[in-house]
């Protein structure tokens, strides 16, 4: 359980007005250093790639998890767990419980009214207002359950889709966003604390 669950969200607030804020705040190095210093150990982070791989850009979260599982960060199985959660992320709760994460980072396509490929943090309070049209359970319910049951912080990184129509194509903008997120996460987890 995070002793200072507000650290993550205070970092999000501090970086809100900077360009490329998702990259600035996604880089968990600052958070990891603060938590490591506070606890005397590195936090355990689970990354859930959520989405439907048969609905164009909605597959973004799943594709990020798939790509990360082939990267160096996936080798640190003590501190990092990467799960392709698909369209039913609630089915991963047993695996999450066994891993006992301090932070669950959910990555998913999210309708934010932005240009396709835009990446933004979805604040805790806004997760409740998100539509669950391509998921079997609203992410707000999953986030609430994980927070209460596992005592962890839950964060959602949203990617604005261009289309959620049935098909297996990705828009160029979402494809680029996926690559950037994968590269940033992989780099961040490789940096020494």
Protein backbone atom coordinates (compact mmCIF):
# COMPACT_ATOMS: atom_id res chain seq x y z
CA UNK A 1 0.00 0.00 0.00
CA UNK A 2 1.30 3.44 -0.88
CA UNK A 3 2.07 5.38 2.30
CA UNK A 4 1.75 8.64 0.35
CA UNK A 5 -0.76 8.05 -2.42
CA UNK A 6 -0.90 11.78 -3.03
CA UNK A 7 2.70 11.88 -4.31
CA UNK A 8 1.72 10.55 -7.73
CA UNK A 9 -1.13 13.00 -8.19
CA UNK A 10 0.85 15.96 -6.83
CA UNK A 11 3.48 15.27 -9.51
CA UNK A 12 0.68 15.25 -12.12
CA UNK A 13 -0.53 18.64 -10.84
CA UNK A 14 2.98 20.15 -10.90
CA UNK A 15 3.50 19.20 -14.55
CA UNK A 16 0.03 20.15 -15.84
CA UNK A 17 1.08 23.31 -17.67
CA UNK A 18 4.34 22.08 -19.17
CA UNK A 19 4.61 21.01 -22.83
CA UNK A 20 4.49 17.24 -23.29
CA UNK A 21 3.18 16.92 -19.72
CA UNK A 22 2.33 13.27 -20.17
CA UNK A 23 5.99 12.55 -20.92
CA UNK A 24 7.19 14.68 -18.02
CA UNK A 25 4.85 12.99 -15.58
CA UNK A 26 4.92 9.57 -17.23
CA UNK A 27 8.61 9.40 -16.52
CA UNK A 28 8.18 7.67 -13.18
CA UNK A 29 11.76 8.35 -12.17
CA UNK A 30 10.80 11.26 -9.90
CA UNK A 31 7.95 9.28 -8.34
CA UNK A 32 10.13 6.19 -7.97
CA UNK A 33 12.91 8.21 -6.30
CA UNK A 34 10.48 9.80 -3.84
CA UNK A 35 8.81 6.52 -2.95
CA UNK A 36 12.11 4.61 -2.79
CA UNK A 37 13.51 7.24 -0.45
CA UNK A 38 10.36 7.19 1.70
CA UNK A 39 10.10 3.40 1.91
CA UNK A 40 13.69 2.26 1.47
CA UNK A 41 12.58 0.07 -1.46
CA UNK A 42 11.43 0.39 -5.06
CA UNK A 43 7.68 0.40 -5.65
CA UNK A 44 5.94 -2.36 -7.57
CA UNK A 45 4.19 -1.12 -10.72
CA UNK A 46 1.63 -3.02 -12.79
CA UNK A 47 0.86 -1.80 -16.29
CA UNK A 48 -2.54 -2.85 -17.67
CA UNK A 49 -2.99 -2.50 -21.41
CA UNK A 50 -6.75 -2.21 -21.90
CA UNK A 51 -8.72 -2.24 -25.15
CA UNK A 52 -10.27 -4.27 -27.91
CA UNK A 53 -7.77 -5.28 -30.58
CA UNK A 54 -10.58 -5.67 -33.13
CA UNK A 55 -11.77 -2.05 -32.85
CA UNK A 56 -9.11 0.02 -34.61
CA UNK A 57 -7.54 2.59 -32.26
CA UNK A 58 -9.21 1.07 -29.20
CA UNK A 59 -6.42 -1.53 -29.32
CA UNK A 60 -3.84 1.06 -28.19
CA UNK A 61 -3.54 -0.11 -24.57
CA UNK A 62 -3.23 -3.78 -25.54
CA UNK A 63 -0.59 -2.97 -28.16
CA UNK A 64 1.40 -0.95 -25.63
CA UNK A 65 1.40 -3.85 -23.15
CA UNK A 66 2.37 -6.29 -25.91
CA UNK A 67 5.28 -4.10 -27.04
CA UNK A 68 6.46 -3.46 -23.46
CA UNK A 69 6.50 -7.19 -22.71
CA UNK A 70 9.26 -7.50 -25.34
CA UNK A 71 11.34 -4.66 -23.88
CA UNK A 72 14.00 -4.56 -21.19
CA UNK A 73 11.61 -3.23 -18.53
CA UNK A 74 9.69 -6.54 -18.63
CA UNK A 75 12.76 -8.36 -17.28
CA UNK A 76 12.33 -6.74 -13.83
CA UNK A 77 9.58 -9.11 -12.75
CA UNK A 78 10.04 -8.14 -9.10
CA UNK A 79 9.02 -4.50 -9.66
CA UNK A 80 7.18 -4.42 -13.00
CA UNK A 81 4.21 -6.49 -14.16
CA UNK A 82 2.87 -5.99 -17.68
CA UNK A 83 -0.56 -7.39 -18.53
CA UNK A 84 -2.50 -7.41 -21.81
CA UNK A 85 -5.85 -6.95 -20.12
CA UNK A 86 -7.92 -6.72 -23.31
CA UNK A 87 -11.53 -5.59 -23.09
CA UNK A 88 -12.11 -7.24 -19.69
CA UNK A 89 -9.41 -5.88 -17.35
CA UNK A 90 -11.39 -7.07 -14.32
CA UNK A 91 -10.24 -10.59 -15.23
CA UNK A 92 -6.70 -9.63 -14.18
CA UNK A 93 -7.47 -8.97 -10.50
CA UNK A 94 -6.14 -12.35 -9.28
CA UNK A 95 -2.83 -11.74 -11.06
CA UNK A 96 -2.68 -8.20 -9.66
CA UNK A 97 -3.46 -9.41 -6.15
CA UNK A 98 -0.63 -11.94 -6.36
CA UNK A 99 1.81 -9.25 -7.60
CA UNK A 100 0.66 -6.73 -4.92
CA UNK A 101 1.38 -3.51 -6.84
CA UNK A 102 1.85 -0.11 -5.27
CA UNK A 103 0.77 1.59 -8.50
CA UNK A 104 -1.47 0.25 -11.28
CA UNK A 105 -1.02 2.19 -14.52
CA UNK A 106 -3.95 1.59 -16.86
CA UNK A 107 -3.29 2.54 -20.48
CA UNK A 108 -6.38 2.77 -22.69
CA UNK A 109 -7.96 4.62 -25.59
CA UNK A 110 -10.11 7.38 -24.13
CA UNK A 111 -12.53 9.80 -25.71
CA UNK A 112 -11.23 13.20 -24.53
CA UNK A 113 -12.41 15.44 -27.36
CA UNK A 114 -8.82 15.95 -28.55
CA UNK A 115 -6.96 15.23 -31.81
CA UNK A 116 -6.31 11.52 -32.50
CA UNK A 117 -3.08 10.38 -30.86
CA UNK A 118 -3.25 12.94 -28.05
CA UNK A 119 -1.98 11.42 -24.79
CA UNK A 120 -3.21 12.71 -21.42
CA UNK A 121 -3.45 11.65 -17.82
CA UNK A 122 -7.05 11.11 -16.80
CA UNK A 123 -7.38 12.45 -13.22
CA UNK A 124 -8.72 10.10 -10.57
CA UNK A 125 -11.99 11.97 -10.30
CA UNK A 126 -12.51 11.93 -14.10
CA UNK A 127 -12.17 8.15 -14.41
CA UNK A 128 -15.69 7.85 -13.00
CA UNK A 129 -17.11 9.87 -15.89
CA UNK A 130 -15.52 7.78 -18.63
CA UNK A 131 -17.63 5.70 -20.95
CA UNK A 132 -17.10 1.95 -20.91
CA UNK A 133 -18.55 1.26 -24.33
CA UNK A 134 -15.81 -1.18 -25.39
CA UNK A 135 -15.21 -2.70 -21.94
CA UNK A 136 -17.27 -5.19 -20.04
CA UNK A 137 -16.88 -3.22 -16.77
CA UNK A 138 -16.40 0.55 -16.37
CA UNK A 139 -12.80 1.48 -15.53
CA UNK A 140 -14.08 3.57 -12.62
CA UNK A 141 -15.40 0.41 -10.93
CA UNK A 142 -12.13 -1.42 -11.58
CA UNK A 143 -10.08 1.52 -10.24
CA UNK A 144 -12.23 1.74 -7.12
CA UNK A 145 -11.97 -2.01 -6.54
CA UNK A 146 -8.17 -2.05 -6.98
CA UNK A 147 -7.74 0.94 -4.67
CA UNK A 148 -9.87 -0.61 -1.94
CA UNK A 149 -8.88 -4.26 -2.30
CA UNK A 150 -5.16 -3.90 -3.07
CA UNK A 151 -4.53 -0.58 -1.32
CA UNK A 152 -2.72 0.76 -4.39
CA UNK A 153 -2.83 3.95 -6.42
CA UNK A 154 -4.51 3.66 -9.82
CA UNK A 155 -3.60 5.99 -12.69
CA UNK A 156 -5.05 6.11 -16.19
CA UNK A 157 -3.11 7.25 -19.24
CA UNK A 158 -5.55 7.94 -22.07
CA UNK A 159 -4.89 8.00 -25.82
CA UNK A 160 -7.42 9.81 -28.00
CA UNK A 161 -8.61 7.36 -30.68
CA UNK A 162 -9.39 8.40 -34.23
CA UNK A 163 -11.86 5.55 -34.69
CA UNK A 164 -13.25 2.66 -32.66
CA UNK A 165 -14.97 1.04 -35.63
CA UNK A 166 -14.61 -2.70 -36.11
CA UNK A 167 -11.39 -3.51 -37.94
CA UNK A 168 -7.72 -4.06 -37.24
CA UNK A 169 -6.19 -0.87 -38.65
CA UNK A 170 -4.55 1.79 -36.49
CA UNK A 171 -4.50 5.46 -37.32
CA UNK A 172 -1.01 6.87 -37.93
CA UNK A 173 -1.43 9.28 -34.99
CA UNK A 174 -2.33 6.56 -32.50
CA UNK A 175 0.40 4.31 -33.83
CA UNK A 176 2.95 7.07 -33.18
CA UNK A 177 1.53 7.70 -29.68
CA UNK A 178 1.87 3.99 -28.89
CA UNK A 179 5.53 4.01 -29.92
CA UNK A 180 6.27 7.12 -27.85
CA UNK A 181 4.62 5.69 -24.73
CA UNK A 182 6.43 2.37 -25.08
CA UNK A 183 9.78 4.12 -25.53
CA UNK A 184 9.22 6.49 -22.59
CA UNK A 185 8.14 3.72 -20.20
CA UNK A 186 10.95 1.40 -21.20
CA UNK A 187 13.56 4.16 -20.80
CA UNK A 188 12.14 5.28 -17.47
CA UNK A 189 12.23 1.84 -15.90
CA UNK A 190 15.82 1.28 -17.03
CA UNK A 191 17.20 4.39 -15.30
CA UNK A 192 18.99 3.70 -12.03
CA UNK A 193 17.48 5.17 -8.88
